[in-house]
C-alpha atoms as a PDB file:
ATOM      1  CA  MET A   1      56.679  80.724 112.345  1.00  0.00           C
ATOM      2  CA  ASN A   2      56.109  77.220 113.599  1.00  0.00           C
ATOM      3  CA  LEU A   3      53.569  76.480 116.303  1.00  0.00           C
ATOM      4  CA  ALA A   4      56.089  75.867 119.101  1.00  0.00           C
ATOM      5  CA  ARG A   5      57.706  79.267 118.472  1.00  0.00           C
ATOM      6  CA  LEU A   6      54.267  80.884 118.398  1.00  0.00           C
ATOM      7  CA  PHE A   7      53.463  79.360 121.794  1.00  0.00           C
ATOM      8  CA  ASP A   8      56.869  80.499 123.126  1.00  0.00           C
ATOM      9  CA  ARG A   9      56.214  84.041 122.005  1.00  0.00           C
ATOM     10  CA  ALA A  10      52.700  84.021 123.485  1.00  0.00           C
ATOM     11  CA  LYS A  11      54.155  82.677 126.739  1.00  0.00           C
ATOM     12  CA  ARG A  12      56.699  85.503 126.796  1.00  0.00           C
ATOM     13  CA  HIS A  13      53.888  88.080 126.607  1.00  0.00           C
ATOM     14  CA  SER A  14      51.373  86.377 128.899  1.00  0.00           C
ATOM     15  CA  GLY A  15      53.902  85.272 131.533  1.00  0.00           C
ATOM     16  CA  SER A  16      53.429  81.490 131.483  1.00  0.00           C
ATOM     17  CA  ASP A  17      51.868  78.605 129.600  1.00  0.00           C
ATOM     18  CA  GLY A  18      49.232  78.433 132.339  1.00  0.00           C
ATOM     19  CA  LEU A  19      48.210  82.043 131.773  1.00  0.00           C
ATOM     20  CA  THR A  20      48.227  81.490 128.013  1.00  0.00           C
ATOM     21  CA  ALA A  21      45.890  78.523 128.535  1.00  0.00           C
ATOM     22  CA  LYS A  22      43.633  80.643 130.767  1.00  0.00           C
ATOM     23  CA  ILE A  23      43.445  83.399 128.131  1.00  0.00           C
ATOM     24  CA  LEU A  24      42.601  80.778 125.494  1.00  0.00           C
ATOM     25  CA  GLY A  25      40.012  79.205 127.799  1.00  0.00           C
ATOM     26  CA  VAL A  26      41.565  75.728 127.761  1.00  0.00           C
ATOM     27  CA  ALA A  27      43.313  73.438 130.241  1.00  0.00           C
ATOM     28  CA  PRO A  28      47.101  73.860 130.529  1.00  0.00           C
ATOM     29  CA  ASN A  29      47.710  70.292 129.376  1.00  0.00           C
ATOM     30  CA  ARG A  30      45.938  71.118 126.102  1.00  0.00           C
ATOM     31  CA  VAL A  31      48.526  73.856 125.432  1.00  0.00           C
ATOM     32  CA  SER A  32      51.265  71.284 126.011  1.00  0.00           C
ATOM     33  CA  GLU A  33      49.588  68.822 123.622  1.00  0.00           C
ATOM     34  CA  TRP A  34      49.318  71.500 120.907  1.00  0.00           C
ATOM     35  CA  ARG A  35      52.871  72.757 121.447  1.00  0.00           C
ATOM     36  CA  ASN A  36      54.350  69.258 121.189  1.00  0.00           C
ATOM     37  CA  GLY A  37      52.233  68.202 118.222  1.00  0.00           C
ATOM     38  CA  HIS A  38      50.254  65.536 120.068  1.00  0.00           C
ATOM     39  CA  ARG A  39      47.012  67.205 118.943  1.00  0.00           C
ATOM     40  CA  PRO A  40      46.330  69.515 116.016  1.00  0.00           C
ATOM     41  CA  CYS A  41      45.909  73.124 117.090  1.00  0.00           C
ATOM     42  CA  PRO A  42      42.699  74.637 115.647  1.00  0.00           C
ATOM     43  CA  ALA A  43      43.053  77.655 113.368  1.00  0.00           C
ATOM     44  CA  GLU A  44      40.968  79.882 115.653  1.00  0.00           C
ATOM     45  CA  VAL A  45      43.315  79.109 118.562  1.00  0.00           C
ATOM     46  CA  GLN A  46      46.303  79.932 116.364  1.00  0.00           C
ATOM     47  CA  ASP A  47      44.657  83.239 115.489  1.00  0.00           C
ATOM     48  CA  LYS A  48      44.238  84.039 119.196  1.00  0.00           C
ATOM     49  CA  LEU A  49      47.866  83.078 119.802  1.00  0.00           C
ATOM     50  CA  CYS A  50      48.949  85.570 117.145  1.00  0.00           C
ATOM     51  CA  VAL A  51      47.161  88.305 119.092  1.00  0.00           C
ATOM     52  CA  ILE A  52      48.559  87.167 122.466  1.00  0.00           C
ATOM     53  CA  ALA A  53      52.062  86.989 120.953  1.00  0.00           C
ATOM     54  CA  ARG A  54      51.597  90.511 119.547  1.00  0.00           C
ATOM     55  CA  LEU A  55      52.621  89.542 116.026  1.00  0.00           C
ATOM     56  CA  SER A  56      52.734  92.261 113.404  1.00  0.00           C
ATOM     57  CA  ASP A  57      50.283  92.186 110.507  1.00  0.00           C
ATOM     58  CA  ASN A  58      52.990  90.842 108.193  1.00  0.00           C
ATOM     59  CA  GLU A  59      53.928  88.094 110.660  1.00  0.00           C
ATOM     60  CA  ILE A  60      50.276  87.093 110.994  1.00  0.00           C
ATOM     61  CA  ALA A  61      49.927  87.031 107.203  1.00  0.00           C
ATOM     62  CA  ARG A  62      53.013  84.811 106.895  1.00  0.00           C
ATOM     63  CA  HIS A  63      51.658  82.489 109.576  1.00  0.00           C
ATOM     64  CA  VAL A  64      48.272  82.196 107.849  1.00  0.00           C
ATOM     65  CA  VAL A  65      49.945  81.482 104.513  1.00  0.00           C
ATOM     66  CA  GLN A  66      52.184  78.858 106.096  1.00  0.00           C
ATOM     67  CA  ARG A  67      49.251  77.269 107.955  1.00  0.00           C
ATOM     68  CA  SER A  68      47.189  77.082 104.782  1.00  0.00           C
ATOM     69  CA  GLY A  69      49.950  75.322 102.872  1.00  0.00           C
ATOM     70  CA  LEU A  70      50.323  78.162 100.397  1.00  0.00           C
ATOM     71  CA  GLY A  71      53.973  78.507 101.440  1.00  0.00           C
ATOM     72  CA  ARG A  72      54.853  75.729  99.009  1.00  0.00           C
ATOM     73  CA  ARG A  73      53.588  77.762  96.062  1.00  0.00           C
ATOM     74  CA  PRO A  74      55.805  79.689  93.639  1.00  0.00           C
ATOM     75  CA  ILE A  75      57.422  82.781  95.129  1.00  0.00           C
ATOM     76  CA  ALA A  76      55.488  85.252  92.959  1.00  0.00           C
ATOM     77  CA  LEU A  77      52.147  83.754  94.021  1.00  0.00           C
ATOM     78  CA  ARG A  78      53.191  83.685  97.684  1.00  0.00           C
ATOM     79  CA  ALA A  79      54.177  87.353  97.577  1.00  0.00           C
ATOM     80  CA  ARG A  80      50.835  88.319  96.045  1.00  0.00           C
ATOM     81  CA  LEU A  81      48.876  86.282  98.609  1.00  0.00           C
ATOM     82  CA  ILE A  82      50.863  87.703 101.544  1.00  0.00           C
ATOM     83  CA  GLU A  83      50.100  91.204 100.271  1.00  0.00           C
ATOM     84  CA  GLU A  84      46.388  90.342 100.119  1.00  0.00           C
ATOM     85  CA  PHE A  85      46.407  89.143 103.744  1.00  0.00           C
ATOM     86  CA  ALA A  86      48.440  92.090 105.037  1.00  0.00           C
END
């Protein structure tokens, strides 16, 4: 799941980008900067977004693998790593 979709899903569960920003403890414009790729979104913020967005364990594992760049590895290795994270 890309970062914009993760923010959209978090917004759907929190009610608005402003409330998402409040839960994350940041200014609303920072959420916009992260969503649009103007600033890199820290891993710990992405982890909080996964919780706000109510992602399943498998979805969180896929997101972590994608974020770490392991998604470009051979399929067998990816499957094993996703299982380890799940």
